Amino acid sequence: MAATSTHKGSAGEREALAILRNLGFTVTRRPRYTQGHDLTLAGGLHVVEVKRHATVTPGKVNKWWAQACRQAEVADALPLLLYRGDRQPWTAVVEVDGERITLDVDGLRQFLDSVVPCF
């Protein structure tokens, strides 16, 4: 992985961490040198895969979602994908009743408020 890609990924993780914390959730970031998901919501109910790329395509989102689901299965948690393309807002993907849904940040806050226990 190129240094700029690594830097962009790390910056994206920090941005996503700040967004989730600003929404009022307790979130931890995994050390960069570990394998697996990027962030964990309090209580470990959801693990978060963060993607920050220049361009976002449906194919990329499908690939990222599959990765988020694999990592959540390993962690025995629910997947949450947060991604953003250049000059685009953050978008979240979650699963509700077996269906994948896409949310903006406000929709993500409402969703998490309904499923994440208070810690």
PDB file of N, CA and C in Angstrom:
ATOM      1  N   MET A   1       0.852  -1.179   0.000  1.00  0.00           N
ATOM      2  CA  MET A   1       0.000   0.000   0.000  1.00  0.00           C
ATOM      3  C   MET A   1       0.892   1.235   0.000  1.00  0.00           C
ATOM      4  N   ALA A   2       0.585   2.183  -0.861  1.00  0.00           N
ATOM      5  CA  ALA A   2       1.376   3.407  -0.957  1.00  0.00           C
ATOM      6  C   ALA A   2       1.201   4.257   0.297  1.00  0.00           C
ATOM      7  N   ALA A   3       2.216   5.058   0.569  1.00  0.00           N
ATOM      8  CA  ALA A   3       2.183   5.899   1.775  1.00  0.00           C
ATOM      9  C   ALA A   3       0.982   6.831   1.762  1.00  0.00           C
ATOM     10  N   THR A   4       0.643   7.394   0.589  1.00  0.00           N
ATOM     11  CA  THR A   4      -0.509   8.302   0.537  1.00  0.00           C
ATOM     12  C   THR A   4      -1.814   7.558   0.816  1.00  0.00           C
ATOM     13  N   SER A   5      -1.932   6.322   0.343  1.00  0.00           N
ATOM     14  CA  SER A   5      -3.137   5.536   0.633  1.00  0.00           C
ATOM     15  C   SER A   5      -3.243   5.240   2.119  1.00  0.00           C
ATOM     16  N   THR A   6      -2.120   4.888   2.724  1.00  0.00           N
ATOM     17  CA  THR A   6      -2.106   4.612   4.159  1.00  0.00           C
ATOM     18  C   THR A   6      -2.475   5.864   4.939  1.00  0.00           C
ATOM     19  N   HIS A   7      -1.899   7.001   4.544  1.00  0.00           N
ATOM     20  CA  HIS A   7      -2.193   8.266   5.216  1.00  0.00           C
ATOM     21  C   HIS A   7      -3.673   8.623   5.063  1.00  0.00           C
ATOM     22  N   LYS A   8      -4.211   8.470   3.840  1.00  0.00           N
ATOM     23  CA  LYS A   8      -5.612   8.794   3.593  1.00  0.00           C
ATOM     24  C   LYS A   8      -6.523   7.878   4.412  1.00  0.00           C
ATOM     25  N   GLY A   9      -6.168   6.591   4.491  1.00  0.00           N
ATOM     26  CA  GLY A   9      -6.952   5.648   5.288  1.00  0.00           C
ATOM     27  C   GLY A   9      -6.939   6.001   6.761  1.00  0.00           C
ATOM     28  N   SER A  10      -5.771   6.333   7.283  1.00  0.00           N
ATOM     29  CA  SER A  10      -5.661   6.716   8.700  1.00  0.00           C
ATOM     30  C   SER A  10      -6.426   8.001   8.974  1.00  0.00           C
ATOM     31  N   ALA A  11      -6.320   8.957   8.069  1.00  0.00           N
ATOM     32  CA  ALA A  11      -7.055  10.214   8.231  1.00  0.00           C
ATOM     33  C   ALA A  11      -8.557   9.951   8.194  1.00  0.00           C
ATOM     34  N   GLY A  12      -8.988   9.054   7.309  1.00  0.00           N
ATOM     35  CA  GLY A  12     -10.402   8.692   7.238  1.00  0.00           C
ATOM     36  C   GLY A  12     -10.891   8.053   8.525  1.00  0.00           C
ATOM     37  N   GLU A  13     -10.070   7.186   9.107  1.00  0.00           N
ATOM     38  CA  GLU A  13     -10.434   6.566  10.382  1.00  0.00           C
ATOM     39  C   GLU A  13     -10.580   7.608  11.483  1.00  0.00           C
ATOM     40  N   ARG A  14      -9.671   8.574  11.512  1.00  0.00           N
ATOM     41  CA  ARG A  14      -9.762   9.631  12.524  1.00  0.00           C
ATOM     42  C   ARG A  14     -11.007  10.495  12.309  1.00  0.00           C
ATOM     43  N   GLU A  15     -11.323  10.797  11.044  1.00  0.00           N
ATOM     44  CA  GLU A  15     -12.537  11.560  10.741  1.00  0.00           C
ATOM     45  C   GLU A  15     -13.780  10.804  11.205  1.00  0.00           C
ATOM     46  N   ALA A  16     -13.856   9.518  10.862  1.00  0.00           N
ATOM     47  CA  ALA A  16     -15.016   8.702  11.240  1.00  0.00           C
ATOM     48  C   ALA A  16     -15.126   8.585  12.755  1.00  0.00           C
ATOM     49  N   LEU A  17     -13.997   8.419  13.417  1.00  0.00           N
ATOM     50  CA  LEU A  17     -13.972   8.349  14.876  1.00  0.00           C
ATOM     51  C   LEU A  17     -14.551   9.634  15.471  1.00  0.00           C
ATOM     52  N   ALA A  18     -14.124  10.776  14.946  1.00  0.00           N
ATOM     53  CA  ALA A  18     -14.614  12.069  15.442  1.00  0.00           C
ATOM     54  C   ALA A  18     -16.116  12.219  15.188  1.00  0.00           C
ATOM     55  N   ILE A  19     -16.589  11.790  14.025  1.00  0.00           N
ATOM     56  CA  ILE A  19     -18.021  11.882  13.714  1.00  0.00           C
ATOM     57  C   ILE A  19     -18.824  11.066  14.712  1.00  0.00           C
ATOM     58  N   LEU A  20     -18.428   9.817  14.932  1.00  0.00           N
ATOM     59  CA  LEU A  20     -19.168   8.954  15.852  1.00  0.00           C
ATOM     60  C   LEU A  20     -19.125   9.486  17.285  1.00  0.00           C
ATOM     61  N   ARG A  21     -17.973  10.003  17.692  1.00  0.00           N
ATOM     62  CA  ARG A  21     -17.883  10.581  19.036  1.00  0.00           C
ATOM     63  C   ARG A  21     -18.732  11.841  19.151  1.00  0.00           C
ATOM     64  N   ASN A  22     -18.733  12.668  18.101  1.00  0.00           N
ATOM     65  CA  ASN A  22     -19.566  13.877  18.113  1.00  0.00           C
ATOM     66  C   ASN A  22     -21.050  13.547  18.147  1.00  0.00           C
ATOM     67  N   LEU A  23     -21.417  12.372  17.656  1.00  0.00           N
ATOM     68  CA  LEU A  23     -22.806  11.920  17.728  1.00  0.00           C
ATOM     69  C   LEU A  23     -23.142  11.386  19.116  1.00  0.00           C
ATOM     70  N   GLY A  24     -22.120  11.286  19.978  1.00  0.00           N
ATOM     71  CA  GLY A  24     -22.350  10.877  21.354  1.00  0.00           C
ATOM     72  C   GLY A  24     -22.042   9.424  21.658  1.00  0.00           C
ATOM     73  N   PHE A  25     -21.367   8.735  20.745  1.00  0.00           N
ATOM     74  CA  PHE A  25     -21.062   7.321  20.953  1.00  0.00           C
ATOM     75  C   PHE A  25     -19.630   7.127  21.423  1.00  0.00           C
ATOM     76  N   THR A  26     -19.445   6.140  22.273  1.00  0.00           N
ATOM     77  CA  THR A  26     -18.106   5.761  22.710  1.00  0.00           C
ATOM     78  C   THR A  26     -17.539   4.821  21.650  1.00  0.00           C
ATOM     79  N   VAL A  27     -16.395   5.197  21.120  1.00  0.00           N
ATOM     80  CA  VAL A  27     -15.793   4.457  20.015  1.00  0.00           C
ATOM     81  C   VAL A  27     -14.311   4.285  20.298  1.00  0.00           C
ATOM     82  N   THR A  28     -13.779   3.116  19.964  1.00  0.00           N
ATOM     83  CA  THR A  28     -12.335   2.899  20.076  1.00  0.00           C
ATOM     84  C   THR A  28     -11.772   2.578  18.706  1.00  0.00           C
ATOM     85  N   ARG A  29     -10.530   2.971  18.515  1.00  0.00           N
ATOM     86  CA  ARG A  29      -9.829   2.729  17.252  1.00  0.00           C
ATOM     87  C   ARG A  29      -8.796   1.647  17.464  1.00  0.00           C
ATOM     88  N   ARG A  30      -8.752   0.703  16.551  1.00  0.00           N
ATOM     89  CA  ARG A  30      -7.753  -0.369  16.626  1.00  0.00           C
ATOM     90  C   ARG A  30      -6.399   0.170  16.177  1.00  0.00           C
ATOM     91  N   PRO A  31      -5.328  -0.328  16.770  1.00  0.00           N
ATOM     92  CA  PRO A  31      -4.000   0.086  16.297  1.00  0.00           C
ATOM     93  C   PRO A  31      -3.821  -0.256  14.821  1.00  0.00           C
ATOM     94  N   ARG A  32      -3.114   0.573  14.121  1.00  0.00           N
ATOM     95  CA  ARG A  32      -2.930   0.442  12.670  1.00  0.00           C
ATOM     96  C   ARG A  32      -2.308  -0.902  12.278  1.00  0.00           C
ATOM     97  N   TYR A  33      -1.483  -1.456  13.114  1.00  0.00           N
ATOM     98  CA  TYR A  33      -0.754  -2.677  12.741  1.00  0.00           C
ATOM     99  C   TYR A  33      -1.561  -3.949  12.957  1.00  0.00           C
ATOM    100  N   THR A  34      -2.817  -3.845  13.401  1.00  0.00           N
ATOM    101  CA  THR A  34      -3.619  -5.039  13.629  1.00  0.00           C
ATOM    102  C   THR A  34      -4.515  -5.325  12.430  1.00  0.00           C
ATOM    103  N   GLN A  35      -4.873  -6.581  12.264  1.00  0.00           N
ATOM    104  CA  GLN A  35      -5.783  -7.003  11.198  1.00  0.00           C
ATOM    105  C   GLN A  35      -7.218  -6.839  11.668  1.00  0.00           C
ATOM    106  N   GLY A  36      -8.143  -6.654  10.748  1.00  0.00           N
ATOM    107  CA  GLY A  36      -9.549  -6.622  11.090  1.00  0.00           C
ATOM    108  C   GLY A  36     -10.156  -5.245  10.971  1.00  0.00           C
ATOM    109  N   HIS A  37     -11.300  -5.070  11.610  1.00  0.00           N
ATOM    110  CA  HIS A  37     -12.063  -3.831  11.523  1.00  0.00           C
ATOM    111  C   HIS A  37     -11.269  -2.650  12.083  1.00  0.00           C
ATOM    112  N   ASP A  38     -11.756  -1.440  11.775  1.00  0.00           N
ATOM    113  CA  ASP A  38     -11.030  -0.225  12.152  1.00  0.00           C
ATOM    114  C   ASP A  38     -11.472   0.350  13.504  1.00  0.00           C
ATOM    115  N   LEU A  39     -12.786   0.364  13.747  1.00  0.00           N
ATOM    116  CA  LEU A  39     -13.340   0.975  14.960  1.00  0.00           C
ATOM    117  C   LEU A  39     -14.332   0.018  15.603  1.00  0.00           C
ATOM    118  N   THR A  40     -14.533   0.196  16.908  1.00  0.00           N
ATOM    119  CA  THR A  40     -15.529  -0.590  17.631  1.00  0.00           C
ATOM    120  C   THR A  40     -16.398   0.363  18.435  1.00  0.00           C
ATOM    121  N   LEU A  41     -17.724   0.195  18.302  1.00  0.00           N
ATOM    122  CA  LEU A  41     -18.638   0.990  19.121  1.00  0.00           C
ATOM    123  C   LEU A  41     -18.700   0.392  20.515  1.00  0.00           C
ATOM    124  N   ALA A  42     -19.007   1.215  21.492  1.00  0.00           N
ATOM    125  CA  ALA A  42     -19.076   0.788  22.891  1.00  0.00           C
ATOM    126  C   ALA A  42     -19.888  -0.490  23.022  1.00  0.00           C
ATOM    127  N   GLY A  43     -19.389  -1.381  23.832  1.00  0.00           N
ATOM    128  CA  GLY A  43     -20.078  -2.642  24.048  1.00  0.00           C
ATOM    129  C   GLY A  43     -19.778  -3.685  22.995  1.00  0.00           C
ATOM    130  N   GLY A  44     -19.146  -3.279  21.901  1.00  0.00           N
ATOM    131  CA  GLY A  44     -18.760  -4.233  20.868  1.00  0.00           C
ATOM    132  C   GLY A  44     -19.900  -4.734  20.007  1.00  0.00           C
ATOM    133  N   LEU A  45     -21.072  -4.093  20.073  1.00  0.00           N
ATOM    134  CA  LEU A  45     -22.206  -4.535  19.270  1.00  0.00           C
ATOM    135  C   LEU A  45     -21.926  -4.372  17.777  1.00  0.00           C
ATOM    136  N   HIS A  46     -21.317  -3.250  17.407  1.00  0.00           N
ATOM    137  CA  HIS A  46     -20.972  -2.990  16.009  1.00  0.00           C
ATOM    138  C   HIS A  46     -19.460  -2.797  15.869  1.00  0.00           C
ATOM    139  N   VAL A  47     -18.917  -3.371  14.800  1.00  0.00           N
ATOM    140  CA  VAL A  47     -17.548  -3.054  14.408  1.00  0.00           C
ATOM    141  C   VAL A  47     -17.632  -2.270  13.096  1.00  0.00           C
ATOM    142  N   VAL A  48     -16.748  -1.308  12.961  1.00  0.00           N
ATOM    143  CA  VAL A  48     -16.837  -0.353  11.867  1.00  0.00           C
ATOM    144  C   VAL A  48     -15.646  -0.515  10.935  1.00  0.00           C
ATOM    145  N   GLU A  49     -15.941  -0.665   9.655  1.00  0.00           N
ATOM    146  CA  GLU A  49     -14.921  -0.630   8.618  1.00  0.00           C
ATOM    147  C   GLU A  49     -15.020   0.744   7.971  1.00  0.00           C
ATOM    148  N   VAL A  50     -13.898   1.443   7.872  1.00  0.00           N
ATOM    149  CA  VAL A  50     -13.860   2.802   7.340  1.00  0.00           C
ATOM    150  C   VAL A  50     -13.106   2.800   6.016  1.00  0.00           C
ATOM    151  N   LYS A  51     -13.697   3.439   5.018  1.00  0.00           N
ATOM    152  CA  LYS A  51     -13.056   3.563   3.710  1.00  0.00           C
ATOM    153  C   LYS A  51     -13.081   5.012   3.279  1.00  0.00           C
ATOM    154  N   ARG A  52     -11.933   5.493   2.849  1.00  0.00           N
ATOM    155  CA  ARG A  52     -11.776   6.874   2.368  1.00  0.00           C
ATOM    156  C   ARG A  52     -11.039   6.787   1.043  1.00  0.00           C
ATOM    157  N   HIS A  53     -11.768   6.973  -0.059  1.00  0.00           N
ATOM    158  CA  HIS A  53     -11.195   6.824  -1.403  1.00  0.00           C
ATOM    159  C   HIS A  53     -11.530   8.032  -2.250  1.00  0.00           C
ATOM    160  N   ALA A  54     -10.754   8.213  -3.319  1.00  0.00           N
ATOM    161  CA  ALA A  54     -10.998   9.331  -4.224  1.00  0.00           C
ATOM    162  C   ALA A  54     -12.364   9.205  -4.881  1.00  0.00           C
ATOM    163  N   THR A  55     -12.666   8.013  -5.373  1.00  0.00           N
ATOM    164  CA  THR A  55     -13.950   7.782  -6.025  1.00  0.00           C
ATOM    165  C   THR A  55     -14.642   6.586  -5.380  1.00  0.00           C
ATOM    166  N   VAL A  56     -15.951   6.639  -5.374  1.00  0.00           N
ATOM    167  CA  VAL A  56     -16.760   5.563  -4.808  1.00  0.00           C
ATOM    168  C   VAL A  56     -17.671   5.040  -5.911  1.00  0.00           C
ATOM    169  N   THR A  57     -17.664   3.732  -6.100  1.00  0.00           N
ATOM    170  CA  THR A  57     -18.541   3.095  -7.082  1.00  0.00           C
ATOM    171  C   THR A  57     -19.364   2.021  -6.369  1.00  0.00           C
ATOM    172  N   PRO A  58     -20.490   1.630  -6.957  1.00  0.00           N
ATOM    173  CA  PRO A  58     -21.270   0.543  -6.353  1.00  0.00           C
ATOM    174  C   PRO A  58     -20.444  -0.735  -6.172  1.00  0.00           C
ATOM    175  N   GLY A  59     -19.566  -1.020  -7.105  1.00  0.00           N
ATOM    176  CA  GLY A  59     -18.706  -2.199  -6.979  1.00  0.00           C
ATOM    177  C   GLY A  59     -17.779  -2.119  -5.781  1.00  0.00           C
ATOM    178  N   LYS A  60     -17.205  -0.942  -5.559  1.00  0.00           N
ATOM    179  CA  LYS A  60     -16.343  -0.759  -4.388  1.00  0.00           C
ATOM    180  C   LYS A  60     -17.143  -0.914  -3.104  1.00  0.00           C
ATOM    181  N   VAL A  61     -18.344  -0.317  -3.068  1.00  0.00           N
ATOM    182  CA  VAL A  61     -19.173  -0.416  -1.863  1.00  0.00           C
ATOM    183  C   VAL A  61     -19.521  -1.874  -1.583  1.00  0.00           C
ATOM    184  N   ASN A  62     -19.844  -2.633  -2.628  1.00  0.00           N
ATOM    185  CA  ASN A  62     -20.140  -4.064  -2.444  1.00  0.00           C
ATOM    186  C   ASN A  62     -18.946  -4.805  -1.861  1.00  0.00           C
ATOM    187  N   LYS A  63     -17.762  -4.520  -2.368  1.00  0.00           N
ATOM    188  CA  LYS A  63     -16.536  -5.150  -1.879  1.00  0.00           C
ATOM    189  C   LYS A  63     -16.270  -4.762  -0.428  1.00  0.00           C
ATOM    190  N   TRP A  64     -16.421  -3.481  -0.116  1.00  0.00           N
ATOM    191  CA  TRP A  64     -16.186  -3.001   1.249  1.00  0.00           C
ATOM    192  C   TRP A  64     -17.199  -3.602   2.220  1.00  0.00           C
ATOM    193  N   TRP A  65     -18.457  -3.718   1.777  1.00  0.00           N
ATOM    194  CA  TRP A  65     -19.489  -4.285   2.641  1.00  0.00           C
ATOM    195  C   TRP A  65     -19.177  -5.752   2.938  1.00  0.00           C
ATOM    196  N   ALA A  66     -18.749  -6.477   1.926  1.00  0.00           N
ATOM    197  CA  ALA A  66     -18.376  -7.884   2.135  1.00  0.00           C
ATOM    198  C   ALA A  66     -17.240  -7.981   3.150  1.00  0.00           C
ATOM    199  N   GLN A  67     -16.262  -7.091   3.043  1.00  0.00           N
ATOM    200  CA  GLN A  67     -15.155  -7.068   3.999  1.00  0.00           C
ATOM    201  C   GLN A  67     -15.668  -6.751   5.400  1.00  0.00           C
ATOM    202  N   ALA A  68     -16.545  -5.759   5.523  1.00  0.00           N
ATOM    203  CA  ALA A  68     -17.099  -5.393   6.832  1.00  0.00           C
ATOM    204  C   ALA A  68     -17.854  -6.570   7.441  1.00  0.00           C
ATOM    205  N   CYS A  69     -18.599  -7.298   6.626  1.00  0.00           N
ATOM    206  CA  CYS A  69     -19.361  -8.453   7.124  1.00  0.00           C
ATOM    207  C   CYS A  69     -18.431  -9.571   7.595  1.00  0.00           C
ATOM    208  N   ARG A  70     -17.365  -9.840   6.847  1.00  0.00           N
ATOM    209  CA  ARG A  70     -16.393 -10.870   7.267  1.00  0.00           C
ATOM    210  C   ARG A  70     -15.751 -10.488   8.595  1.00  0.00           C
ATOM    211  N   GLN A  71     -15.354  -9.239   8.732  1.00  0.00           N
ATOM    212  CA  GLN A  71     -14.697  -8.797   9.959  1.00  0.00           C
ATOM    213  C   GLN A  71     -15.655  -8.809  11.139  1.00  0.00           C
ATOM    214  N   ALA A  72     -16.906  -8.465  10.902  1.00  0.00           N
ATOM    215  CA  ALA A  72     -17.900  -8.492  11.976  1.00  0.00           C
ATOM    216  C   ALA A  72     -18.147  -9.930  12.429  1.00  0.00           C
ATOM    217  N   GLU A  73     -18.166 -10.851  11.488  1.00  0.00           N
ATOM    218  CA  GLU A  73     -18.375 -12.258  11.848  1.00  0.00           C
ATOM    219  C   GLU A  73     -17.248 -12.752  12.750  1.00  0.00           C
ATOM    220  N   VAL A  74     -16.017 -12.412  12.416  1.00  0.00           N
ATOM    221  CA  VAL A  74     -14.867 -12.801  13.237  1.00  0.00           C
ATOM    222  C   VAL A  74     -14.979 -12.201  14.637  1.00  0.00           C
ATOM    223  N   ALA A  75     -15.456 -10.961  14.719  1.00  0.00           N
ATOM    224  CA  ALA A  75     -15.564 -10.260  15.997  1.00  0.00           C
ATOM    225  C   ALA A  75     -16.866 -10.590  16.733  1.00  0.00           C
ATOM    226  N   ASP A  76     -17.717 -11.411  16.131  1.00  0.00           N
ATOM    227  CA  ASP A  76     -19.028 -11.742  16.703  1.00  0.00           C
ATOM    228  C   ASP A  76     -19.808 -10.465  17.009  1.00  0.00           C
ATOM    229  N   ALA A  77     -19.901  -9.620  15.989  1.00  0.00           N
ATOM    230  CA  ALA A  77     -20.567  -8.322  16.118  1.00  0.00           C
ATOM    231  C   ALA A  77     -21.343  -8.042  14.833  1.00  0.00           C
ATOM    232  N   LEU A  78     -21.971  -6.897  14.779  1.00  0.00           N
ATOM    233  CA  LEU A  78     -22.704  -6.468  13.590  1.00  0.00           C
ATOM    234  C   LEU A  78     -21.820  -5.532  12.762  1.00  0.00           C
ATOM    235  N   PRO A  79     -21.916  -5.620  11.425  1.00  0.00           N
ATOM    236  CA  PRO A  79     -21.080  -4.762  10.584  1.00  0.00           C
ATOM    237  C   PRO A  79     -21.655  -3.368  10.407  1.00  0.00           C
ATOM    238  N   LEU A  80     -20.752  -2.413  10.308  1.00  0.00           N
ATOM    239  CA  LEU A  80     -21.111  -1.044   9.971  1.00  0.00           C
ATOM    240  C   LEU A  80     -19.996  -0.534   9.062  1.00  0.00           C
ATOM    241  N   LEU A  81     -20.361  -0.085   7.887  1.00  0.00           N
ATOM    242  CA  LEU A  81     -19.404   0.462   6.930  1.00  0.00           C
ATOM    243  C   LEU A  81     -19.601   1.965   6.865  1.00  0.00           C
ATOM    244  N   LEU A  82     -18.524   2.714   7.017  1.00  0.00           N
ATOM    245  CA  LEU A  82     -18.533   4.169   6.832  1.00  0.00           C
ATOM    246  C   LEU A  82     -17.558   4.487   5.712  1.00  0.00           C
ATOM    247  N   TYR A  83     -18.021   5.222   4.689  1.00  0.00           N
ATOM    248  CA  TYR A  83     -17.119   5.550   3.590  1.00  0.00           C
ATOM    249  C   TYR A  83     -17.380   6.964   3.092  1.00  0.00           C
ATOM    250  N   ARG A  84     -16.347   7.488   2.420  1.00  0.00           N
ATOM    251  CA  ARG A  84     -16.447   8.837   1.863  1.00  0.00           C
ATOM    252  C   ARG A  84     -15.521   8.949   0.674  1.00  0.00           C
ATOM    253  N   GLY A  85     -16.038   9.479  -0.416  1.00  0.00           N
ATOM    254  CA  GLY A  85     -15.219   9.830  -1.561  1.00  0.00           C
ATOM    255  C   GLY A  85     -14.742  11.263  -1.426  1.00  0.00           C
ATOM    256  N   ASP A  86     -13.784  11.640  -2.237  1.00  0.00           N
ATOM    257  CA  ASP A  86     -13.289  13.016  -2.205  1.00  0.00           C
ATOM    258  C   ASP A  86     -14.434  14.004  -2.416  1.00  0.00           C
ATOM    259  N   ARG A  87     -14.469  15.031  -1.584  1.00  0.00           N
ATOM    260  CA  ARG A  87     -15.472  16.102  -1.653  1.00  0.00           C
ATOM    261  C   ARG A  87     -16.900  15.576  -1.564  1.00  0.00           C
ATOM    262  N   GLN A  88     -17.088  14.464  -0.885  1.00  0.00           N
ATOM    263  CA  GLN A  88     -18.405  13.860  -0.686  1.00  0.00           C
ATOM    264  C   GLN A  88     -18.684  13.727   0.809  1.00  0.00           C
ATOM    265  N   PRO A  89     -19.948  13.666   1.198  1.00  0.00           N
ATOM    266  CA  PRO A  89     -20.254  13.464   2.618  1.00  0.00           C
ATOM    267  C   PRO A  89     -20.035  12.009   3.014  1.00  0.00           C
ATOM    268  N   TRP A  90     -19.925  11.772   4.303  1.00  0.00           N
ATOM    269  CA  TRP A  90     -19.808  10.412   4.820  1.00  0.00           C
ATOM    270  C   TRP A  90     -21.128   9.680   4.617  1.00  0.00           C
ATOM    271  N   THR A  91     -21.019   8.404   4.283  1.00  0.00           N
ATOM    272  CA  THR A  91     -22.177   7.540   4.078  1.00  0.00           C
ATOM    273  C   THR A  91     -21.974   6.286   4.907  1.00  0.00           C
ATOM    274  N   ALA A  92     -23.050   5.776   5.468  1.00  0.00           N
ATOM    275  CA  ALA A  92     -22.982   4.560   6.278  1.00  0.00           C
ATOM    276  C   ALA A  92     -23.801   3.462   5.618  1.00  0.00           C
ATOM    277  N   VAL A  93     -23.349   2.224   5.807  1.00  0.00           N
ATOM    278  CA  VAL A  93     -24.108   1.054   5.379  1.00  0.00           C
ATOM    279  C   VAL A  93     -24.269   0.159   6.593  1.00  0.00           C
ATOM    280  N   VAL A  94     -25.515  -0.247   6.854  1.00  0.00           N
ATOM    281  CA  VAL A  94     -25.828  -1.141   7.964  1.00  0.00           C
ATOM    282  C   VAL A  94     -26.802  -2.203   7.461  1.00  0.00           C
ATOM    283  N   GLU A  95     -27.028  -3.192   8.290  1.00  0.00           N
ATOM    284  CA  GLU A  95     -27.989  -4.233   7.940  1.00  0.00           C
ATOM    285  C   GLU A  95     -29.169  -4.162   8.902  1.00  0.00           C
ATOM    286  N   VAL A  96     -30.370  -4.153   8.343  1.00  0.00           N
ATOM    287  CA  VAL A  96     -31.595  -4.130   9.139  1.00  0.00           C
ATOM    288  C   VAL A  96     -32.503  -5.242   8.615  1.00  0.00           C
ATOM    289  N   ASP A  97     -32.840  -6.161   9.502  1.00  0.00           N
ATOM    290  CA  ASP A  97     -33.716  -7.280   9.134  1.00  0.00           C
ATOM    291  C   ASP A  97     -33.234  -7.993   7.872  1.00  0.00           C
ATOM    292  N   GLY A  98     -31.928  -8.214   7.791  1.00  0.00           N
ATOM    293  CA  GLY A  98     -31.357  -8.948   6.673  1.00  0.00           C
ATOM    294  C   GLY A  98     -31.168  -8.145   5.402  1.00  0.00           C
ATOM    295  N   GLU A  99     -31.513  -6.864   5.425  1.00  0.00           N
ATOM    296  CA  GLU A  99     -31.343  -6.020   4.250  1.00  0.00           C
ATOM    297  C   GLU A  99     -30.302  -4.949   4.503  1.00  0.00           C
ATOM    298  N   ARG A 100     -29.484  -4.719   3.513  1.00  0.00           N
ATOM    299  CA  ARG A 100     -28.463  -3.674   3.584  1.00  0.00           C
ATOM    300  C   ARG A 100     -29.113  -2.333   3.274  1.00  0.00           C
ATOM    301  N   ILE A 101     -28.883  -1.357   4.160  1.00  0.00           N
ATOM    302  CA  ILE A 101     -29.426  -0.019   3.911  1.00  0.00           C
ATOM    303  C   ILE A 101     -28.305   1.013   3.989  1.00  0.00           C
ATOM    304  N   THR A 102     -28.480   2.090   3.258  1.00  0.00           N
ATOM    305  CA  THR A 102     -27.505   3.176   3.189  1.00  0.00           C
ATOM    306  C   THR A 102     -28.097   4.393   3.881  1.00  0.00           C
ATOM    307  N   LEU A 103     -27.278   5.032   4.720  1.00  0.00           N
ATOM    308  CA  LEU A 103     -27.728   6.166   5.527  1.00  0.00           C
ATOM    309  C   LEU A 103     -26.744   7.326   5.442  1.00  0.00           C
ATOM    310  N   ASP A 104     -27.261   8.542   5.583  1.00  0.00           N
ATOM    311  CA  ASP A 104     -26.365   9.673   5.792  1.00  0.00           C
ATOM    312  C   ASP A 104     -26.019   9.710   7.283  1.00  0.00           C
ATOM    313  N   VAL A 105     -25.217  10.669   7.700  1.00  0.00           N
ATOM    314  CA  VAL A 105     -24.762  10.708   9.098  1.00  0.00           C
ATOM    315  C   VAL A 105     -25.936  10.886  10.059  1.00  0.00           C
ATOM    316  N   ASP A 106     -26.895  11.720   9.712  1.00  0.00           N
ATOM    317  CA  ASP A 106     -28.047  11.904  10.601  1.00  0.00           C
ATOM    318  C   ASP A 106     -28.854  10.608  10.706  1.00  0.00           C
ATOM    319  N   GLY A 107     -29.046   9.937   9.589  1.00  0.00           N
ATOM    320  CA  GLY A 107     -29.743   8.649   9.612  1.00  0.00           C
ATOM    321  C   GLY A 107     -28.987   7.613  10.420  1.00  0.00           C
ATOM    322  N   LEU A 108     -27.655   7.651  10.340  1.00  0.00           N
ATOM    323  CA  LEU A 108     -26.834   6.734  11.135  1.00  0.00           C
ATOM    324  C   LEU A 108     -27.026   7.011  12.618  1.00  0.00           C
ATOM    325  N   ARG A 109     -27.060   8.283  12.993  1.00  0.00           N
ATOM    326  CA  ARG A 109     -27.284   8.629  14.405  1.00  0.00           C
ATOM    327  C   ARG A 109     -28.613   8.066  14.887  1.00  0.00           C
ATOM    328  N   GLN A 110     -29.645   8.243  14.104  1.00  0.00           N
ATOM    329  CA  GLN A 110     -30.968   7.727  14.483  1.00  0.00           C
ATOM    330  C   GLN A 110     -30.946   6.205  14.592  1.00  0.00           C
ATOM    331  N   PHE A 111     -30.291   5.558  13.636  1.00  0.00           N
ATOM    332  CA  PHE A 111     -30.197   4.100  13.663  1.00  0.00           C
ATOM    333  C   PHE A 111     -29.449   3.632  14.909  1.00  0.00           C
ATOM    334  N   LEU A 112     -28.284   4.216  15.162  1.00  0.00           N
ATOM    335  CA  LEU A 112     -27.488   3.793  16.313  1.00  0.00           C
ATOM    336  C   LEU A 112     -28.178   4.107  17.628  1.00  0.00           C
ATOM    337  N   ASP A 113     -28.882   5.230  17.698  1.00  0.00           N
ATOM    338  CA  ASP A 113     -29.640   5.549  18.907  1.00  0.00           C
ATOM    339  C   ASP A 113     -30.650   4.444  19.227  1.00  0.00           C
ATOM    340  N   SER A 114     -31.155   3.800  18.192  1.00  0.00           N
ATOM    341  CA  SER A 114     -32.183   2.783  18.403  1.00  0.00           C
ATOM    342  C   SER A 114     -31.609   1.414  18.742  1.00  0.00           C
ATOM    343  N   VAL A 115     -30.317   1.192  18.470  1.00  0.00           N
ATOM    344  CA  VAL A 115     -29.771  -0.164  18.674  1.00  0.00           C
ATOM    345  C   VAL A 115     -28.580  -0.243  19.628  1.00  0.00           C
ATOM    346  N   VAL A 116     -27.899   0.859  19.872  1.00  0.00           N
ATOM    347  CA  VAL A 116     -26.701   0.822  20.715  1.00  0.00           C
ATOM    348  C   VAL A 116     -27.079   1.147  22.152  1.00  0.00           C
ATOM    349  N   PRO A 117     -26.780   0.250  23.082  1.00  0.00           N
ATOM    350  CA  PRO A 117     -27.083   0.550  24.480  1.00  0.00           C
ATOM    351  C   PRO A 117     -26.233   1.713  24.989  1.00  0.00           C
ATOM    352  N   CYS A 118     -26.758   2.444  25.950  1.00  0.00           N
ATOM    353  CA  CYS A 118     -26.020   3.566  26.534  1.00  0.00           C
ATOM    354  C   CYS A 118     -24.914   3.043  27.435  1.00  0.00           C
ATOM    355  N   PHE A 119     -23.717   3.611  27.289  1.00  0.00           N
ATOM    356  CA  PHE A 119     -22.575   3.220  28.135  1.00  0.00           C
ATOM    357  C   PHE A 119     -21.987   4.465  28.741  1.00  0.00           C
TER     358      PHE A 119
END
